[in-house]
C-alpha atoms as a PDB file:
ATOM      1  CA  MET A   1    -165.045  -6.379 -96.717  1.00  0.00           C
ATOM      2  CA  ARG A   2    -164.320 -10.096 -96.361  1.00  0.00           C
ATOM      3  CA  ARG A   3    -163.427  -9.665 -92.699  1.00  0.00           C
ATOM      4  CA  ALA A   4    -166.674  -7.770 -92.092  1.00  0.00           C
ATOM      5  CA  ARG A   5    -168.651 -10.626 -93.644  1.00  0.00           C
ATOM      6  CA  GLU A   6    -166.796 -13.257 -91.576  1.00  0.00           C
ATOM      7  CA  ARG A   7    -167.198 -11.412 -88.263  1.00  0.00           C
ATOM      8  CA  PRO A   8    -170.800 -12.602 -87.530  1.00  0.00           C
ATOM      9  CA  ALA A   9    -169.781 -16.193 -88.223  1.00  0.00           C
ATOM     10  CA  ALA A  10    -166.836 -15.842 -85.828  1.00  0.00           C
ATOM     11  CA  TRP A  11    -169.154 -14.587 -83.092  1.00  0.00           C
ATOM     12  CA  LEU A  12    -171.395 -17.636 -83.625  1.00  0.00           C
ATOM     13  CA  PHE A  13    -168.448 -19.901 -82.813  1.00  0.00           C
ATOM     14  CA  VAL A  14    -167.620 -17.875 -79.690  1.00  0.00           C
ATOM     15  CA  LEU A  15    -171.221 -17.663 -78.498  1.00  0.00           C
ATOM     16  CA  PRO A  16    -171.502 -21.191 -76.931  1.00  0.00           C
ATOM     17  CA  ALA A  17    -168.335 -20.701 -74.864  1.00  0.00           C
ATOM     18  CA  ALA A  18    -169.427 -17.211 -73.812  1.00  0.00           C
ATOM     19  CA  ALA A  19    -172.887 -18.477 -72.832  1.00  0.00           C
ATOM     20  CA  TYR A  20    -171.337 -21.322 -70.822  1.00  0.00           C
ATOM     21  CA  LEU A  21    -169.002 -18.970 -68.941  1.00  0.00           C
ATOM     22  CA  LEU A  22    -171.786 -16.481 -68.279  1.00  0.00           C
ATOM     23  CA  LEU A  23    -174.199 -19.138 -67.015  1.00  0.00           C
ATOM     24  CA  PHE A  24    -171.912 -21.367 -64.950  1.00  0.00           C
ATOM     25  CA  LEU A  25    -169.217 -18.877 -63.902  1.00  0.00           C
ATOM     26  CA  GLY A  26    -170.574 -15.350 -64.143  1.00  0.00           C
ATOM     27  CA  CYS A  27    -173.976 -15.938 -62.512  1.00  0.00           C
ATOM     28  CA  PRO A  28    -172.616 -17.742 -59.404  1.00  0.00           C
ATOM     29  CA  LEU A  29    -169.947 -15.064 -58.956  1.00  0.00           C
ATOM     30  CA  VAL A  30    -172.519 -12.274 -59.115  1.00  0.00           C
ATOM     31  CA  GLN A  31    -174.885 -14.166 -56.803  1.00  0.00           C
ATOM     32  CA  ASN A  32    -172.077 -14.726 -54.277  1.00  0.00           C
ATOM     33  CA  LEU A  33    -171.157 -11.043 -54.405  1.00  0.00           C
ATOM     34  CA  VAL A  34    -174.779  -9.980 -53.881  1.00  0.00           C
ATOM     35  CA  MET A  35    -175.169 -12.459 -51.021  1.00  0.00           C
ATOM     36  CA  SER A  36    -172.114 -11.013 -49.268  1.00  0.00           C
ATOM     37  CA  LEU A  37    -173.812  -7.578 -49.250  1.00  0.00           C
ATOM     38  CA  ARG A  38    -176.993  -8.817 -47.552  1.00  0.00           C
ATOM     39  CA  ARG A  39    -177.942 -10.275 -44.175  1.00  0.00           C
ATOM     40  CA  TYR A  40    -178.473 -13.708 -45.642  1.00  0.00           C
ATOM     41  CA  ASP A  41    -179.215 -16.118 -42.776  1.00  0.00           C
ATOM     42  CA  ALA A  42    -181.425 -19.226 -42.607  1.00  0.00           C
ATOM     43  CA  THR A  43    -184.629 -17.158 -42.415  1.00  0.00           C
ATOM     44  CA  GLY A  44    -183.620 -14.971 -45.323  1.00  0.00           C
ATOM     45  CA  PHE A  45    -182.671 -18.037 -47.355  1.00  0.00           C
ATOM     46  CA  ALA A  46    -186.145 -19.532 -46.799  1.00  0.00           C
ATOM     47  CA  THR A  47    -188.229 -16.375 -47.239  1.00  0.00           C
ATOM     48  CA  GLY A  48    -186.001 -14.454 -49.653  1.00  0.00           C
ATOM     49  CA  ASP A  49    -186.102 -11.460 -47.272  1.00  0.00           C
ATOM     50  CA  ALA A  50    -182.428 -10.565 -46.923  1.00  0.00           C
ATOM     51  CA  PRO A  51    -181.911  -6.868 -46.049  1.00  0.00           C
ATOM     52  CA  PHE A  52    -179.086  -4.993 -47.763  1.00  0.00           C
ATOM     53  CA  THR A  53    -176.250  -4.385 -45.283  1.00  0.00           C
ATOM     54  CA  GLY A  54    -173.551  -2.910 -47.503  1.00  0.00           C
ATOM     55  CA  LEU A  55    -170.052  -3.814 -46.360  1.00  0.00           C
ATOM     56  CA  ARG A  56    -171.024  -4.718 -42.790  1.00  0.00           C
ATOM     57  CA  ASN A  57    -170.563  -8.426 -43.468  1.00  0.00           C
ATOM     58  CA  HIS A  58    -167.089  -7.758 -44.859  1.00  0.00           C
ATOM     59  CA  ALA A  59    -166.130  -5.617 -41.848  1.00  0.00           C
ATOM     60  CA  ALA A  60    -167.398  -8.228 -39.368  1.00  0.00           C
ATOM     61  CA  VAL A  61    -165.660 -11.170 -41.059  1.00  0.00           C
ATOM     62  CA  LEU A  62    -162.374  -9.529 -42.047  1.00  0.00           C
ATOM     63  CA  SER A  63    -161.835  -7.884 -38.632  1.00  0.00           C
ATOM     64  CA  SER A  64    -162.364 -11.134 -36.734  1.00  0.00           C
ATOM     65  CA  THR A  65    -159.375 -12.842 -35.121  1.00  0.00           C
ATOM     66  CA  LEU A  66    -160.714 -16.111 -36.519  1.00  0.00           C
ATOM     67  CA  PHE A  67    -160.197 -14.706 -40.025  1.00  0.00           C
ATOM     68  CA  SER A  68    -156.563 -13.816 -39.365  1.00  0.00           C
ATOM     69  CA  GLU A  69    -155.915 -17.265 -37.850  1.00  0.00           C
ATOM     70  CA  ALA A  70    -157.614 -18.954 -40.802  1.00  0.00           C
ATOM     71  CA  ALA A  71    -155.635 -16.795 -43.260  1.00  0.00           C
ATOM     72  CA  VAL A  72    -152.321 -17.781 -41.620  1.00  0.00           C
ATOM     73  CA  ASN A  73    -153.321 -21.458 -41.610  1.00  0.00           C
ATOM     74  CA  THR A  74    -154.348 -21.190 -45.275  1.00  0.00           C
ATOM     75  CA  ALA A  75    -150.970 -19.684 -46.189  1.00  0.00           C
ATOM     76  CA  LEU A  76    -149.061 -22.387 -44.278  1.00  0.00           C
ATOM     77  CA  PHE A  77    -151.258 -25.175 -45.630  1.00  0.00           C
ATOM     78  CA  THR A  78    -150.951 -23.918 -49.223  1.00  0.00           C
ATOM     79  CA  ALA A  79    -147.214 -23.202 -49.127  1.00  0.00           C
ATOM     80  CA  GLY A  80    -146.373 -26.523 -47.434  1.00  0.00           C
ATOM     81  CA  SER A  81    -148.616 -28.560 -49.710  1.00  0.00           C
ATOM     82  CA  VAL A  82    -147.476 -26.973 -52.990  1.00  0.00           C
ATOM     83  CA  LEU A  83    -143.792 -27.116 -52.008  1.00  0.00           C
ATOM     84  CA  GLY A  84    -144.048 -30.765 -50.970  1.00  0.00           C
ATOM     85  CA  GLN A  85    -146.092 -31.797 -53.988  1.00  0.00           C
ATOM     86  CA  PHE A  86    -143.766 -30.037 -56.423  1.00  0.00           C
ATOM     87  CA  THR A  87    -140.531 -31.343 -54.873  1.00  0.00           C
ATOM     88  CA  ILE A  88    -141.677 -34.964 -54.668  1.00  0.00           C
ATOM     89  CA  GLY A  89    -143.496 -34.752 -58.003  1.00  0.00           C
ATOM     90  CA  LEU A  90    -140.379 -33.445 -59.787  1.00  0.00           C
ATOM     91  CA  ALA A  91    -138.210 -36.159 -58.234  1.00  0.00           C
ATOM     92  CA  LEU A  92    -140.663 -38.858 -59.326  1.00  0.00           C
ATOM     93  CA  ALA A  93    -141.031 -37.370 -62.829  1.00  0.00           C
ATOM     94  CA  LEU A  94    -137.242 -37.391 -63.282  1.00  0.00           C
ATOM     95  CA  PHE A  95    -137.120 -40.958 -61.932  1.00  0.00           C
ATOM     96  CA  PHE A  96    -139.791 -42.208 -64.346  1.00  0.00           C
ATOM     97  CA  GLN A  97    -138.050 -40.468 -67.252  1.00  0.00           C
ATOM     98  CA  ARG A  98    -135.480 -43.248 -67.110  1.00  0.00           C
ATOM     99  CA  ARG A  99    -136.222 -46.475 -68.957  1.00  0.00           C
ATOM    100  CA  PHE A 100    -136.587 -49.530 -66.702  1.00  0.00           C
ATOM    101  CA  PRO A 101    -138.888 -52.592 -66.489  1.00  0.00           C
ATOM    102  CA  LEU A 102    -142.437 -52.046 -65.147  1.00  0.00           C
ATOM    103  CA  ALA A 103    -142.125 -48.255 -65.507  1.00  0.00           C
ATOM    104  CA  GLY A 104    -145.557 -48.046 -67.155  1.00  0.00           C
ATOM    105  CA  PRO A 105    -147.469 -50.061 -64.512  1.00  0.00           C
ATOM    106  CA  LEU A 106    -145.708 -48.177 -61.705  1.00  0.00           C
ATOM    107  CA  ARG A 107    -146.749 -44.842 -63.229  1.00  0.00           C
ATOM    108  CA  ALA A 108    -150.329 -46.105 -63.412  1.00  0.00           C
ATOM    109  CA  LEU A 109    -150.253 -47.228 -59.758  1.00  0.00           C
ATOM    110  CA  LEU A 110    -148.895 -43.827 -58.787  1.00  0.00           C
ATOM    111  CA  LEU A 111    -152.149 -42.230 -59.948  1.00  0.00           C
ATOM    112  CA  LEU A 112    -154.306 -44.259 -57.535  1.00  0.00           C
ATOM    113  CA  PRO A 113    -154.188 -41.739 -54.626  1.00  0.00           C
ATOM    114  CA  TRP A 114    -155.335 -38.987 -56.980  1.00  0.00           C
ATOM    115  CA  LEU A 115    -158.195 -41.115 -58.335  1.00  0.00           C
ATOM    116  CA  LEU A 116    -159.629 -41.839 -54.891  1.00  0.00           C
ATOM    117  CA  PRO A 117    -162.365 -39.493 -53.616  1.00  0.00           C
ATOM    118  CA  LEU A 118    -160.957 -37.091 -51.039  1.00  0.00           C
ATOM    119  CA  VAL A 119    -163.484 -38.289 -48.465  1.00  0.00           C
ATOM    120  CA  VAL A 120    -162.169 -41.845 -48.832  1.00  0.00           C
ATOM    121  CA  SER A 121    -158.534 -40.714 -48.639  1.00  0.00           C
ATOM    122  CA  GLY A 122    -159.314 -38.622 -45.566  1.00  0.00           C
ATOM    123  CA  ALA A 123    -161.113 -41.479 -43.826  1.00  0.00           C
ATOM    124  CA  ILE A 124    -158.214 -43.876 -44.483  1.00  0.00           C
ATOM    125  CA  TRP A 125    -155.617 -41.416 -43.200  1.00  0.00           C
ATOM    126  CA  ARG A 126    -157.751 -40.577 -40.179  1.00  0.00           C
ATOM    127  CA  TRP A 127    -157.717 -44.242 -39.219  1.00  0.00           C
ATOM    128  CA  MET A 128    -153.980 -44.548 -39.910  1.00  0.00           C
ATOM    129  CA  LEU A 129    -153.158 -41.488 -37.768  1.00  0.00           C
ATOM    130  CA  ASP A 130    -155.368 -42.439 -34.837  1.00  0.00           C
ATOM    131  CA  PRO A 131    -153.163 -41.979 -31.735  1.00  0.00           C
ATOM    132  CA  ASP A 132    -154.408 -45.166 -30.009  1.00  0.00           C
ATOM    133  CA  THR A 133    -155.279 -47.689 -32.705  1.00  0.00           C
ATOM    134  CA  GLY A 134    -153.636 -46.273 -35.850  1.00  0.00           C
ATOM    135  CA  PRO A 135    -150.877 -48.278 -37.579  1.00  0.00           C
ATOM    136  CA  VAL A 136    -148.557 -45.238 -37.799  1.00  0.00           C
ATOM    137  CA  ASN A 137    -148.167 -44.930 -34.038  1.00  0.00           C
ATOM    138  CA  ALA A 138    -148.064 -48.718 -33.703  1.00  0.00           C
ATOM    139  CA  LEU A 139    -145.132 -48.798 -36.158  1.00  0.00           C
ATOM    140  CA  LEU A 140    -143.309 -46.008 -34.320  1.00  0.00           C
ATOM    141  CA  ARG A 141    -143.789 -47.779 -30.997  1.00  0.00           C
ATOM    142  CA  GLY A 142    -142.600 -51.041 -32.544  1.00  0.00           C
ATOM    143  CA  LEU A 143    -139.420 -49.319 -33.736  1.00  0.00           C
ATOM    144  CA  HIS A 144    -138.991 -47.791 -30.242  1.00  0.00           C
ATOM    145  CA  LEU A 145    -139.092 -44.270 -31.739  1.00  0.00           C
ATOM    146  CA  THR A 146    -141.806 -43.214 -29.303  1.00  0.00           C
ATOM    147  CA  SER A 147    -143.233 -44.661 -26.121  1.00  0.00           C
ATOM    148  CA  SER A 148    -146.610 -42.920 -26.279  1.00  0.00           C
ATOM    149  CA  GLY A 149    -149.009 -42.216 -29.090  1.00  0.00           C
ATOM    150  CA  ILE A 150    -148.343 -39.009 -31.047  1.00  0.00           C
ATOM    151  CA  PRO A 151    -151.527 -36.877 -31.320  1.00  0.00           C
ATOM    152  CA  TRP A 152    -151.294 -36.543 -35.104  1.00  0.00           C
ATOM    153  CA  LEU A 153    -154.808 -35.101 -35.483  1.00  0.00           C
ATOM    154  CA  THR A 154    -155.501 -33.760 -31.987  1.00  0.00           C
ATOM    155  CA  GLY A 155    -152.325 -31.787 -31.214  1.00  0.00           C
ATOM    156  CA  PRO A 156    -152.347 -28.145 -32.435  1.00  0.00           C
ATOM    157  CA  THR A 157    -148.983 -28.352 -34.229  1.00  0.00           C
ATOM    158  CA  GLU A 158    -149.180 -31.996 -35.220  1.00  0.00           C
ATOM    159  CA  ALA A 159    -152.651 -31.591 -36.740  1.00  0.00           C
ATOM    160  CA  LEU A 160    -151.611 -28.859 -39.194  1.00  0.00           C
ATOM    161  CA  VAL A 161    -148.519 -30.821 -40.216  1.00  0.00           C
ATOM    162  CA  SER A 162    -150.634 -33.958 -40.647  1.00  0.00           C
ATOM    163  CA  VAL A 163    -153.193 -32.351 -42.965  1.00  0.00           C
ATOM    164  CA  ILE A 164    -150.343 -30.876 -45.034  1.00  0.00           C
ATOM    165  CA  VAL A 165    -148.677 -34.295 -45.348  1.00  0.00           C
ATOM    166  CA  VAL A 166    -151.944 -35.968 -46.355  1.00  0.00           C
ATOM    167  CA  ASN A 167    -152.663 -33.255 -48.920  1.00  0.00           C
ATOM    168  CA  ILE A 168    -149.155 -33.723 -50.342  1.00  0.00           C
ATOM    169  CA  TRP A 169    -149.880 -37.454 -50.663  1.00  0.00           C
ATOM    170  CA  VAL A 170    -153.093 -36.672 -52.530  1.00  0.00           C
ATOM    171  CA  GLY A 171    -151.562 -34.109 -54.905  1.00  0.00           C
ATOM    172  CA  VAL A 172    -148.237 -35.754 -55.802  1.00  0.00           C
ATOM    173  CA  PRO A 173    -149.673 -37.994 -58.586  1.00  0.00           C
ATOM    174  CA  PHE A 174    -151.234 -35.041 -60.423  1.00  0.00           C
ATOM    175  CA  THR A 175    -148.039 -32.993 -60.131  1.00  0.00           C
ATOM    176  CA  THR A 176    -145.912 -35.915 -61.286  1.00  0.00           C
ATOM    177  CA  ALA A 177    -148.142 -36.519 -64.316  1.00  0.00           C
ATOM    178  CA  LEU A 178    -147.892 -32.885 -65.463  1.00  0.00           C
ATOM    179  CA  LEU A 179    -144.135 -32.630 -64.933  1.00  0.00           C
ATOM    180  CA  TYR A 180    -143.544 -36.006 -66.588  1.00  0.00           C
ATOM    181  CA  GLY A 181    -145.517 -34.795 -69.618  1.00  0.00           C
ATOM    182  CA  GLY A 182    -143.351 -31.672 -69.731  1.00  0.00           C
ATOM    183  CA  LEU A 183    -140.168 -33.749 -69.603  1.00  0.00           C
ATOM    184  CA  GLN A 184    -141.332 -35.809 -72.587  1.00  0.00           C
ATOM    185  CA  ASP A 185    -141.429 -32.637 -74.704  1.00  0.00           C
ATOM    186  CA  ILE A 186    -137.686 -32.020 -74.248  1.00  0.00           C
ATOM    187  CA  PRO A 187    -135.891 -33.365 -77.359  1.00  0.00           C
ATOM    188  CA  PRO A 188    -133.655 -36.361 -76.462  1.00  0.00           C
ATOM    189  CA  HIS A 189    -130.856 -35.162 -78.750  1.00  0.00           C
ATOM    190  CA  LEU A 190    -130.294 -32.207 -76.399  1.00  0.00           C
ATOM    191  CA  TYR A 191    -129.447 -34.657 -73.599  1.00  0.00           C
ATOM    192  CA  GLU A 192    -127.130 -36.598 -75.912  1.00  0.00           C
ATOM    193  CA  ALA A 193    -125.340 -33.393 -76.912  1.00  0.00           C
ATOM    194  CA  ALA A 194    -124.988 -32.339 -73.277  1.00  0.00           C
ATOM    195  CA  ARG A 195    -123.495 -35.714 -72.290  1.00  0.00           C
ATOM    196  CA  LEU A 196    -121.064 -35.557 -75.223  1.00  0.00           C
ATOM    197  CA  ASP A 197    -119.959 -32.153 -73.948  1.00  0.00           C
ATOM    198  CA  GLY A 198    -119.175 -33.771 -70.583  1.00  0.00           C
ATOM    199  CA  ALA A 199    -122.115 -32.393 -68.578  1.00  0.00           C
ATOM    200  CA  GLY A 200    -123.070 -34.385 -65.475  1.00  0.00           C
ATOM    201  CA  PRO A 201    -126.590 -35.008 -64.132  1.00  0.00           C
ATOM    202  CA  VAL A 202    -126.577 -31.905 -61.949  1.00  0.00           C
ATOM    203  CA  ARG A 203    -125.463 -29.575 -64.762  1.00  0.00           C
ATOM    204  CA  ILE A 204    -127.962 -31.165 -67.156  1.00  0.00           C
ATOM    205  CA  LEU A 205    -130.767 -30.638 -64.626  1.00  0.00           C
ATOM    206  CA  ARG A 206    -129.722 -27.065 -63.893  1.00  0.00           C
ATOM    207  CA  HIS A 207    -128.880 -25.784 -67.380  1.00  0.00           C
ATOM    208  CA  LEU A 208    -131.035 -27.953 -69.665  1.00  0.00           C
ATOM    209  CA  THR A 209    -133.972 -29.662 -67.959  1.00  0.00           C
ATOM    210  CA  TRP A 210    -135.082 -26.896 -65.612  1.00  0.00           C
ATOM    211  CA  PRO A 211    -135.069 -23.991 -68.137  1.00  0.00           C
ATOM    212  CA  LEU A 212    -137.101 -26.037 -70.633  1.00  0.00           C
ATOM    213  CA  LEU A 213    -139.422 -27.363 -67.921  1.00  0.00           C
ATOM    214  CA  ARG A 214    -140.026 -23.944 -66.337  1.00  0.00           C
ATOM    215  CA  PRO A 215    -143.250 -23.083 -68.275  1.00  0.00           C
ATOM    216  CA  VAL A 216    -144.822 -26.381 -67.185  1.00  0.00           C
ATOM    217  CA  ALA A 217    -143.563 -25.922 -63.630  1.00  0.00           C
ATOM    218  CA  ARG A 218    -145.188 -22.497 -63.498  1.00  0.00           C
ATOM    219  CA  VAL A 219    -148.552 -23.963 -64.484  1.00  0.00           C
ATOM    220  CA  VAL A 220    -148.145 -26.794 -61.975  1.00  0.00           C
ATOM    221  CA  VAL A 221    -147.520 -24.330 -59.149  1.00  0.00           C
ATOM    222  CA  LEU A 222    -150.452 -22.156 -60.227  1.00  0.00           C
ATOM    223  CA  LEU A 223    -152.848 -25.107 -60.352  1.00  0.00           C
ATOM    224  CA  GLY A 224    -151.473 -26.373 -57.039  1.00  0.00           C
ATOM    225  CA  VAL A 225    -152.105 -23.046 -55.330  1.00  0.00           C
ATOM    226  CA  VAL A 226    -155.633 -22.657 -56.714  1.00  0.00           C
ATOM    227  CA  TYR A 227    -156.539 -26.255 -55.902  1.00  0.00           C
ATOM    228  CA  THR A 228    -155.038 -26.148 -52.392  1.00  0.00           C
ATOM    229  CA  VAL A 229    -156.477 -22.785 -51.338  1.00  0.00           C
ATOM    230  CA  LYS A 230    -160.022 -24.075 -51.781  1.00  0.00           C
ATOM    231  CA  THR A 231    -159.435 -27.484 -50.177  1.00  0.00           C
ATOM    232  CA  ALA A 232    -161.987 -28.037 -47.430  1.00  0.00           C
ATOM    233  CA  ASP A 233    -163.338 -31.582 -47.634  1.00  0.00           C
ATOM    234  CA  LEU A 234    -160.037 -33.294 -46.797  1.00  0.00           C
ATOM    235  CA  ILE A 235    -159.478 -31.087 -43.729  1.00  0.00           C
ATOM    236  CA  LEU A 236    -163.074 -31.497 -42.564  1.00  0.00           C
ATOM    237  CA  VAL A 237    -162.780 -35.293 -42.708  1.00  0.00           C
ATOM    238  CA  LEU A 238    -159.403 -35.364 -40.956  1.00  0.00           C
ATOM    239  CA  THR A 239    -159.805 -32.776 -38.196  1.00  0.00           C
ATOM    240  CA  GLY A 240    -163.012 -30.794 -38.806  1.00  0.00           C
ATOM    241  CA  GLY A 241    -160.887 -27.636 -38.569  1.00  0.00           C
ATOM    242  CA  GLY A 242    -159.721 -28.440 -35.034  1.00  0.00           C
ATOM    243  CA  PRO A 243    -158.300 -28.781 -32.532  1.00  0.00           C
ATOM    244  CA  ALA A 244    -159.258 -25.261 -31.355  1.00  0.00           C
ATOM    245  CA  GLY A 245    -159.083 -23.945 -34.914  1.00  0.00           C
ATOM    246  CA  ALA A 246    -155.493 -25.168 -35.472  1.00  0.00           C
ATOM    247  CA  THR A 247    -156.394 -26.475 -38.956  1.00  0.00           C
ATOM    248  CA  GLN A 248    -159.134 -23.972 -39.744  1.00  0.00           C
ATOM    249  CA  THR A 249    -158.550 -22.460 -43.184  1.00  0.00           C
ATOM    250  CA  LEU A 250    -160.532 -19.883 -45.121  1.00  0.00           C
ATOM    251  CA  ALA A 251    -162.292 -22.655 -47.049  1.00  0.00           C
ATOM    252  CA  THR A 252    -163.313 -24.640 -43.942  1.00  0.00           C
ATOM    253  CA  ARG A 253    -164.301 -21.406 -42.190  1.00  0.00           C
ATOM    254  CA  ALA A 254    -166.541 -20.503 -45.157  1.00  0.00           C
ATOM    255  CA  TYR A 255    -168.123 -23.971 -44.951  1.00  0.00           C
ATOM    256  CA  GLU A 256    -168.680 -23.582 -41.211  1.00  0.00           C
ATOM    257  CA  LEU A 257    -170.306 -20.176 -41.556  1.00  0.00           C
ATOM    258  CA  SER A 258    -172.512 -21.138 -44.501  1.00  0.00           C
ATOM    259  CA  PHE A 259    -173.586 -24.712 -43.814  1.00  0.00           C
ATOM    260  CA  GLN A 260    -173.218 -25.188 -40.060  1.00  0.00           C
ATOM    261  CA  ARG A 261    -174.164 -21.746 -38.720  1.00  0.00           C
ATOM    262  CA  TYR A 262    -176.300 -20.780 -41.766  1.00  0.00           C
ATOM    263  CA  GLU A 263    -174.743 -17.297 -41.946  1.00  0.00           C
ATOM    264  CA  PHE A 264    -174.594 -17.315 -45.717  1.00  0.00           C
ATOM    265  CA  GLY A 265    -173.680 -13.628 -45.985  1.00  0.00           C
ATOM    266  CA  TYR A 266    -170.547 -14.139 -43.882  1.00  0.00           C
ATOM    267  CA  GLY A 267    -169.655 -17.309 -45.770  1.00  0.00           C
ATOM    268  CA  ALA A 268    -170.024 -15.470 -49.083  1.00  0.00           C
ATOM    269  CA  VAL A 269    -167.468 -12.896 -47.913  1.00  0.00           C
ATOM    270  CA  LEU A 270    -164.862 -15.622 -47.412  1.00  0.00           C
ATOM    271  CA  GLY A 271    -165.855 -17.108 -50.764  1.00  0.00           C
ATOM    272  CA  ASN A 272    -165.080 -13.762 -52.386  1.00  0.00           C
ATOM    273  CA  VAL A 273    -161.687 -13.710 -50.660  1.00  0.00           C
ATOM    274  CA  LEU A 274    -160.831 -17.173 -52.038  1.00  0.00           C
ATOM    275  CA  ILE A 275    -161.953 -16.131 -55.523  1.00  0.00           C
ATOM    276  CA  ALA A 276    -159.800 -12.989 -55.309  1.00  0.00           C
ATOM    277  CA  VAL A 277    -156.727 -15.007 -54.258  1.00  0.00           C
ATOM    278  CA  SER A 278    -157.202 -17.508 -57.088  1.00  0.00           C
ATOM    279  CA  THR A 279    -157.757 -14.721 -59.612  1.00  0.00           C
ATOM    280  CA  LEU A 280    -154.606 -12.937 -58.444  1.00  0.00           C
ATOM    281  CA  PHE A 281    -152.443 -16.001 -59.067  1.00  0.00           C
ATOM    282  CA  ALA A 282    -154.097 -16.582 -62.449  1.00  0.00           C
ATOM    283  CA  LEU A 283    -153.372 -12.985 -63.505  1.00  0.00           C
ATOM    284  CA  LEU A 284    -149.756 -13.295 -62.360  1.00  0.00           C
ATOM    285  CA  HIS A 285    -149.410 -16.438 -64.452  1.00  0.00           C
ATOM    286  CA  LEU A 286    -150.915 -14.753 -67.538  1.00  0.00           C
ATOM    287  CA  ARG A 287    -148.571 -11.808 -67.096  1.00  0.00           C
ATOM    288  CA  ARG A 288    -145.518 -14.060 -66.907  1.00  0.00           C
ATOM    289  CA  LEU A 289    -146.819 -16.042 -69.892  1.00  0.00           C
ATOM    290  CA  ARG A 290    -147.126 -12.900 -72.012  1.00  0.00           C
ATOM    291  CA  ALA A 291    -143.708 -11.718 -70.853  1.00  0.00           C
ATOM    292  CA  GLY A 292    -142.280 -15.055 -72.006  1.00  0.00           C
ATOM    293  CA  GLY A 293    -143.731 -14.689 -75.499  1.00  0.00           C
ATOM    294  CA  GLY A 294    -146.869 -16.760 -74.862  1.00  0.00           C
ATOM    295  CA  ARG A 295    -145.151 -20.124 -74.966  1.00  0.00           C
ATOM    296  CA  ALA A 296    -147.743 -22.860 -74.801  1.00  0.00           C
ATOM    297  CA  VAL A 297    -147.692 -25.635 -72.261  1.00  0.00           C
ATOM    298  CA  SER A 298    -148.204 -29.092 -73.621  1.00  0.00           C
ATOM    299  CA  ALA A 299    -148.350 -31.042 -70.363  1.00  0.00           C
END
């Protein structure tokens, strides 16, 4: 009886969160899905007359060779970025776990790249990687490592590698902050006991630090994948998706279709694909979290 009386009050507490999710998450998702099923071009956007086309938009977009190229680039861009961010972020988190002078100010300075707007970071790196006037090529020529300018942003292979490197630079501070927070939750007496037992740094990292850091690492990878898959602004500033589509990802392709060619129906299809990929990784994370007993992450 008491539970029955408390149930309406419990729903009142849940109602604001449910209303927020329905308004700001559910409505855009439904609108995007509806848009992908209609011939939503510039005229239809202005007049509201967008004929229902069923799955024709999906068939046209998903069967295009540009989609397969963008999907491969998205996979390479995401895998390279997340791997680089996690590896460097873990190394920096372990480094800052040690006590040394100026550790606090250095950690604060490390966050600067993450605090900068992506447009600003992209503009700075675009200037630095300019093949003729950029300081990167000037440094390489000064060290006699190359005699001609490397086309960092205009060569098909170099451009994809460049946008991955820049995205790693942008994401390392966030990854380091999360992993460093996870390391702080490991009780210090466990390290003291391991050292007394004669364990070296490698054994401590393998058998103590990594198992206890794994839940945080899983969240870091999940957030990295979701954040990287939808990255478009940084690539647009650096290369605009070129040269010849070498850095075109699903996110930049969706932007091109929707806001440059005004084919909103086609762009909505790619938006649905990105949402599906992000949802898949989120569900995998929840499944692993439940399998691990629902251990909370306190990063």
